[in-house]
Amino acid sequence: MNKLVYEKLKQVATEKKLITYSELNETCGLFLDFELAKDRNELGRILGEISEYEVKHKRPMLSAIVVFKNKHPPEPAYGFYNFADELKIRKKGETDQQLFFRQINECFEEWSEK
């Protein structure tokens, strides 16, 4: 697991904020080029590992706080929803948007108490 990204996400969640994919890339020195599918996939892998770790430890998907720049309302990559379903955290009848905002709020609750 990428510890630098993990610590950055915990810090951002503690501040009850969101971070964009590009900000995360820059602040963590990942040097990924999002024009390249392999680099987008690499960031997805990093965030997936972190979210899987969090869910295994009975916490929300920390990757929920990572969103696209210039999207209003905020929005994660579509892979977020697929992975949430793989991890079986979607509640019955919950829409993508409901799932996403529930995970954000749970992240803020979890980490702002630390």
N, C-alpha and C. Protein backbone atom coordinates (compact mmCIF):
# COMPACT_ATOMS: atom_id res chain seq x y z
N MET A 1 0.85 -1.18 0.00
CA MET A 1 0.00 0.00 0.00
C MET A 1 0.89 1.24 0.00
N ASN A 2 0.48 2.24 -0.74
CA ASN A 2 1.24 3.49 -0.82
C ASN A 2 0.98 4.31 0.44
N LYS A 3 1.94 4.32 1.34
CA LYS A 3 1.78 4.99 2.65
C LYS A 3 1.65 6.50 2.51
N LEU A 4 2.35 7.09 1.55
CA LEU A 4 2.28 8.54 1.36
C LEU A 4 0.86 8.97 0.96
N VAL A 5 0.28 8.25 0.03
CA VAL A 5 -1.09 8.55 -0.40
C VAL A 5 -2.06 8.30 0.75
N TYR A 6 -1.87 7.20 1.46
CA TYR A 6 -2.74 6.86 2.59
C TYR A 6 -2.72 7.98 3.64
N GLU A 7 -1.53 8.43 4.00
CA GLU A 7 -1.41 9.49 5.01
C GLU A 7 -2.03 10.80 4.52
N LYS A 8 -1.85 11.10 3.24
CA LYS A 8 -2.44 12.32 2.68
C LYS A 8 -3.96 12.25 2.73
N LEU A 9 -4.53 11.11 2.37
CA LEU A 9 -5.98 10.96 2.41
C LEU A 9 -6.51 11.08 3.84
N LYS A 10 -5.80 10.51 4.79
CA LYS A 10 -6.24 10.63 6.19
C LYS A 10 -6.20 12.09 6.63
N GLN A 11 -5.16 12.81 6.23
CA GLN A 11 -5.04 14.23 6.58
C GLN A 11 -6.20 15.03 5.99
N VAL A 12 -6.49 14.82 4.73
CA VAL A 12 -7.57 15.54 4.07
C VAL A 12 -8.92 15.22 4.72
N ALA A 13 -9.14 13.96 5.04
CA ALA A 13 -10.40 13.55 5.69
C ALA A 13 -10.52 14.18 7.07
N THR A 14 -9.40 14.28 7.78
CA THR A 14 -9.40 14.91 9.11
C THR A 14 -9.85 16.36 9.00
N GLU A 15 -9.49 17.01 7.90
CA GLU A 15 -9.87 18.41 7.66
C GLU A 15 -11.27 18.53 7.07
N LYS A 16 -11.94 17.39 6.87
CA LYS A 16 -13.29 17.35 6.27
C LYS A 16 -13.32 18.04 4.91
N LYS A 17 -12.34 17.68 4.08
CA LYS A 17 -12.22 18.24 2.74
C LYS A 17 -12.17 17.13 1.72
N LEU A 18 -12.24 17.51 0.45
CA LEU A 18 -12.04 16.61 -0.67
C LEU A 18 -10.74 16.99 -1.35
N ILE A 19 -10.19 16.08 -2.13
CA ILE A 19 -8.97 16.35 -2.89
C ILE A 19 -9.19 15.82 -4.30
N THR A 20 -8.67 16.54 -5.29
CA THR A 20 -8.82 16.07 -6.67
C THR A 20 -7.74 15.05 -7.00
N TYR A 21 -7.99 14.28 -8.03
CA TYR A 21 -7.01 13.31 -8.49
C TYR A 21 -5.70 14.01 -8.82
N SER A 22 -5.79 15.16 -9.49
CA SER A 22 -4.56 15.86 -9.88
C SER A 22 -3.83 16.43 -8.67
N GLU A 23 -4.56 16.94 -7.68
CA GLU A 23 -3.90 17.42 -6.46
C GLU A 23 -3.20 16.29 -5.73
N LEU A 24 -3.85 15.14 -5.66
CA LEU A 24 -3.24 13.98 -5.00
C LEU A 24 -1.98 13.55 -5.74
N ASN A 25 -2.06 13.51 -7.07
CA ASN A 25 -0.92 13.16 -7.90
C ASN A 25 0.26 14.10 -7.64
N GLU A 26 -0.05 15.38 -7.59
CA GLU A 26 1.01 16.38 -7.40
C GLU A 26 1.58 16.37 -5.98
N THR A 27 0.70 16.41 -4.97
CA THR A 27 1.19 16.52 -3.59
C THR A 27 1.91 15.26 -3.12
N CYS A 28 1.58 14.12 -3.71
CA CYS A 28 2.25 12.88 -3.31
C CYS A 28 3.40 12.51 -4.25
N GLY A 29 3.66 13.36 -5.24
CA GLY A 29 4.78 13.11 -6.15
C GLY A 29 4.64 11.80 -6.91
N LEU A 30 3.45 11.49 -7.37
CA LEU A 30 3.25 10.22 -8.08
C LEU A 30 3.70 10.30 -9.53
N PHE A 31 3.74 11.50 -10.11
CA PHE A 31 4.20 11.72 -11.48
C PHE A 31 3.43 10.89 -12.50
N LEU A 32 2.12 10.79 -12.30
CA LEU A 32 1.28 10.05 -13.23
C LEU A 32 0.73 11.00 -14.30
N ASP A 33 0.62 10.50 -15.51
CA ASP A 33 0.08 11.26 -16.63
C ASP A 33 -1.32 10.71 -16.90
N PHE A 34 -2.35 11.46 -16.54
CA PHE A 34 -3.71 10.97 -16.65
C PHE A 34 -4.21 10.86 -18.09
N GLU A 35 -3.41 11.29 -19.03
CA GLU A 35 -3.74 11.06 -20.44
C GLU A 35 -3.49 9.60 -20.80
N LEU A 36 -2.67 8.92 -19.99
CA LEU A 36 -2.31 7.53 -20.25
C LEU A 36 -3.17 6.59 -19.40
N ALA A 37 -3.80 5.62 -20.06
CA ALA A 37 -4.67 4.67 -19.35
C ALA A 37 -3.90 3.92 -18.26
N LYS A 38 -2.64 3.56 -18.54
CA LYS A 38 -1.86 2.80 -17.55
C LYS A 38 -1.64 3.62 -16.27
N ASP A 39 -1.48 4.93 -16.41
CA ASP A 39 -1.29 5.78 -15.24
C ASP A 39 -2.61 5.99 -14.48
N ARG A 40 -3.71 6.14 -15.20
CA ARG A 40 -5.01 6.23 -14.54
C ARG A 40 -5.30 4.93 -13.79
N ASN A 41 -4.97 3.81 -14.42
CA ASN A 41 -5.16 2.51 -13.78
C ASN A 41 -4.28 2.36 -12.55
N GLU A 42 -3.08 2.90 -12.61
CA GLU A 42 -2.17 2.81 -11.46
C GLU A 42 -2.75 3.58 -10.27
N LEU A 43 -3.29 4.77 -10.51
CA LEU A 43 -3.90 5.51 -9.42
C LEU A 43 -5.11 4.76 -8.88
N GLY A 44 -5.87 4.16 -9.77
CA GLY A 44 -7.01 3.35 -9.34
C GLY A 44 -6.58 2.19 -8.47
N ARG A 45 -5.46 1.56 -8.82
CA ARG A 45 -4.93 0.45 -8.03
C ARG A 45 -4.52 0.92 -6.64
N ILE A 46 -3.81 2.06 -6.59
CA ILE A 46 -3.36 2.62 -5.31
C ILE A 46 -4.57 2.92 -4.41
N LEU A 47 -5.55 3.61 -4.98
CA LEU A 47 -6.74 3.97 -4.20
C LEU A 47 -7.55 2.74 -3.82
N GLY A 48 -7.59 1.76 -4.70
CA GLY A 48 -8.30 0.51 -4.41
C GLY A 48 -7.68 -0.23 -3.24
N GLU A 49 -6.36 -0.31 -3.21
CA GLU A 49 -5.67 -0.97 -2.08
C GLU A 49 -6.02 -0.29 -0.76
N ILE A 50 -6.02 1.04 -0.79
CA ILE A 50 -6.31 1.79 0.43
C ILE A 50 -7.76 1.55 0.86
N SER A 51 -8.68 1.61 -0.07
CA SER A 51 -10.09 1.40 0.29
C SER A 51 -10.34 -0.03 0.77
N GLU A 52 -9.71 -0.98 0.12
CA GLU A 52 -9.87 -2.37 0.56
C GLU A 52 -9.34 -2.54 1.99
N TYR A 53 -8.20 -1.95 2.28
CA TYR A 53 -7.63 -2.00 3.62
C TYR A 53 -8.59 -1.38 4.64
N GLU A 54 -9.14 -0.22 4.29
CA GLU A 54 -10.06 0.47 5.19
C GLU A 54 -11.31 -0.37 5.46
N VAL A 55 -11.90 -0.91 4.43
CA VAL A 55 -13.11 -1.71 4.60
C VAL A 55 -12.82 -2.96 5.44
N LYS A 56 -11.68 -3.58 5.22
CA LYS A 56 -11.30 -4.75 6.03
C LYS A 56 -11.17 -4.38 7.51
N HIS A 57 -10.85 -3.11 7.77
CA HIS A 57 -10.71 -2.64 9.15
C HIS A 57 -11.97 -1.90 9.63
N LYS A 58 -13.09 -2.20 8.95
CA LYS A 58 -14.41 -1.67 9.36
C LYS A 58 -14.51 -0.15 9.29
N ARG A 59 -13.83 0.43 8.30
CA ARG A 59 -13.90 1.87 8.07
C ARG A 59 -14.42 2.12 6.65
N PRO A 60 -14.88 3.33 6.37
CA PRO A 60 -15.38 3.64 5.02
C PRO A 60 -14.24 3.70 4.00
N MET A 61 -14.63 3.70 2.73
CA MET A 61 -13.67 3.77 1.63
C MET A 61 -13.04 5.17 1.62
N LEU A 62 -11.80 5.25 2.02
CA LEU A 62 -11.10 6.53 2.10
C LEU A 62 -10.95 7.18 0.72
N SER A 63 -10.97 6.39 -0.32
CA SER A 63 -10.84 6.95 -1.68
C SER A 63 -12.07 7.77 -2.07
N ALA A 64 -13.13 7.73 -1.29
CA ALA A 64 -14.33 8.52 -1.60
C ALA A 64 -14.05 10.02 -1.62
N ILE A 65 -13.01 10.45 -0.93
CA ILE A 65 -12.73 11.88 -0.85
C ILE A 65 -11.90 12.38 -2.04
N VAL A 66 -11.59 11.48 -2.98
CA VAL A 66 -10.81 11.86 -4.17
C VAL A 66 -11.79 12.01 -5.33
N VAL A 67 -11.79 13.20 -5.93
CA VAL A 67 -12.79 13.53 -6.94
C VAL A 67 -12.15 14.19 -8.17
N PHE A 68 -12.96 14.26 -9.23
CA PHE A 68 -12.52 14.96 -10.44
C PHE A 68 -12.49 16.46 -10.18
N LYS A 69 -11.56 17.12 -10.82
CA LYS A 69 -11.50 18.58 -10.79
C LYS A 69 -12.62 19.13 -11.68
N ASN A 70 -13.19 20.24 -11.28
CA ASN A 70 -14.21 20.95 -12.07
C ASN A 70 -15.52 20.18 -12.26
N LYS A 71 -15.84 19.26 -11.36
CA LYS A 71 -17.14 18.57 -11.41
C LYS A 71 -17.99 19.10 -10.26
N HIS A 72 -19.18 19.53 -10.59
CA HIS A 72 -20.10 20.04 -9.57
C HIS A 72 -21.45 19.38 -9.78
N PRO A 73 -21.96 18.60 -8.85
CA PRO A 73 -21.33 18.29 -7.56
C PRO A 73 -20.10 17.41 -7.74
N PRO A 74 -19.29 17.29 -6.68
CA PRO A 74 -18.08 16.46 -6.77
C PRO A 74 -18.43 15.04 -7.20
N GLU A 75 -17.49 14.42 -7.87
CA GLU A 75 -17.74 13.08 -8.39
C GLU A 75 -16.44 12.28 -8.48
N PRO A 76 -16.48 11.01 -8.08
CA PRO A 76 -15.30 10.16 -8.23
C PRO A 76 -15.29 9.50 -9.61
N ALA A 77 -14.23 8.82 -9.93
CA ALA A 77 -14.18 8.02 -11.15
C ALA A 77 -15.20 6.89 -11.03
N TYR A 78 -15.71 6.43 -12.16
CA TYR A 78 -16.74 5.40 -12.15
C TYR A 78 -16.26 4.12 -11.47
N GLY A 79 -14.97 3.84 -11.55
CA GLY A 79 -14.42 2.65 -10.91
C GLY A 79 -14.67 2.59 -9.41
N PHE A 80 -14.87 3.76 -8.80
CA PHE A 80 -15.17 3.82 -7.37
C PHE A 80 -16.43 3.01 -7.07
N TYR A 81 -17.46 3.19 -7.88
CA TYR A 81 -18.73 2.51 -7.64
C TYR A 81 -18.61 1.00 -7.87
N ASN A 82 -17.90 0.63 -8.92
CA ASN A 82 -17.70 -0.80 -9.19
C ASN A 82 -16.96 -1.46 -8.03
N PHE A 83 -15.93 -0.78 -7.54
CA PHE A 83 -15.15 -1.36 -6.45
C PHE A 83 -15.96 -1.42 -5.16
N ALA A 84 -16.78 -0.39 -4.93
CA ALA A 84 -17.66 -0.41 -3.75
C ALA A 84 -18.59 -1.62 -3.81
N ASP A 85 -19.08 -1.94 -5.00
CA ASP A 85 -19.93 -3.11 -5.15
C ASP A 85 -19.15 -4.40 -4.93
N GLU A 86 -17.91 -4.45 -5.42
CA GLU A 86 -17.06 -5.63 -5.17
C GLU A 86 -16.84 -5.83 -3.67
N LEU A 87 -16.68 -4.72 -2.95
CA LEU A 87 -16.46 -4.79 -1.51
C LEU A 87 -17.75 -4.97 -0.73
N LYS A 88 -18.87 -4.97 -1.45
CA LYS A 88 -20.20 -5.20 -0.88
C LYS A 88 -20.57 -4.18 0.20
N ILE A 89 -20.32 -2.91 -0.08
CA ILE A 89 -20.67 -1.89 0.91
C ILE A 89 -21.89 -1.06 0.53
N ARG A 90 -22.42 -1.29 -0.67
CA ARG A 90 -23.62 -0.55 -1.08
C ARG A 90 -24.82 -1.10 -0.31
N LYS A 91 -25.63 -0.18 0.23
CA LYS A 91 -26.85 -0.58 0.91
C LYS A 91 -27.93 -0.86 -0.12
N LYS A 92 -28.88 -1.71 0.23
CA LYS A 92 -29.95 -2.09 -0.69
C LYS A 92 -30.69 -0.84 -1.18
N GLY A 93 -30.81 -0.72 -2.49
CA GLY A 93 -31.53 0.39 -3.10
C GLY A 93 -30.76 1.70 -3.16
N GLU A 94 -29.52 1.70 -2.72
CA GLU A 94 -28.72 2.93 -2.68
C GLU A 94 -28.22 3.28 -4.08
N THR A 95 -28.41 4.53 -4.49
CA THR A 95 -27.90 5.00 -5.79
C THR A 95 -26.40 5.25 -5.69
N ASP A 96 -25.77 5.45 -6.85
CA ASP A 96 -24.34 5.79 -6.85
C ASP A 96 -24.10 7.04 -6.02
N GLN A 97 -24.91 8.07 -6.25
CA GLN A 97 -24.71 9.33 -5.54
C GLN A 97 -24.91 9.17 -4.03
N GLN A 98 -25.91 8.42 -3.63
CA GLN A 98 -26.14 8.18 -2.20
C GLN A 98 -24.96 7.43 -1.58
N LEU A 99 -24.47 6.41 -2.28
CA LEU A 99 -23.32 5.65 -1.81
C LEU A 99 -22.11 6.57 -1.65
N PHE A 100 -21.84 7.36 -2.67
CA PHE A 100 -20.69 8.25 -2.66
C PHE A 100 -20.75 9.24 -1.49
N PHE A 101 -21.88 9.92 -1.34
CA PHE A 101 -21.97 10.91 -0.26
C PHE A 101 -22.00 10.26 1.12
N ARG A 102 -22.55 9.06 1.23
CA ARG A 102 -22.50 8.35 2.51
C ARG A 102 -21.05 8.02 2.87
N GLN A 103 -20.29 7.57 1.89
CA GLN A 103 -18.89 7.24 2.15
C GLN A 103 -18.08 8.48 2.53
N ILE A 104 -18.33 9.60 1.86
CA ILE A 104 -17.64 10.84 2.22
C ILE A 104 -17.96 11.21 3.66
N ASN A 105 -19.23 11.23 4.00
CA ASN A 105 -19.63 11.61 5.36
C ASN A 105 -19.06 10.66 6.40
N GLU A 106 -19.04 9.37 6.10
CA GLU A 106 -18.47 8.41 7.04
C GLU A 106 -16.96 8.60 7.17
N CYS A 107 -16.29 8.95 6.09
CA CYS A 107 -14.84 9.24 6.16
C CYS A 107 -14.60 10.44 7.08
N PHE A 108 -15.39 11.50 6.87
CA PHE A 108 -15.23 12.70 7.70
C PHE A 108 -15.47 12.36 9.17
N GLU A 109 -16.51 11.59 9.46
CA GLU A 109 -16.79 11.20 10.84
C GLU A 109 -15.66 10.36 11.42
N GLU A 110 -15.21 9.39 10.65
CA GLU A 110 -14.16 8.48 11.11
C GLU A 110 -12.86 9.21 11.41
N TRP A 111 -12.41 10.03 10.48
CA TRP A 111 -11.08 10.62 10.60
C TRP A 111 -11.05 11.95 11.35
N SER A 112 -12.16 12.66 11.40
CA SER A 112 -12.14 13.93 12.14
C SER A 112 -12.12 13.69 13.64
N GLU A 113 -12.45 12.47 14.05
CA GLU A 113 -12.41 12.11 15.47
C GLU A 113 -11.02 11.68 15.91
N LYS A 114 -10.11 11.52 14.97
CA LYS A 114 -8.77 11.01 15.30
C LYS A 114 -7.86 12.12 15.80
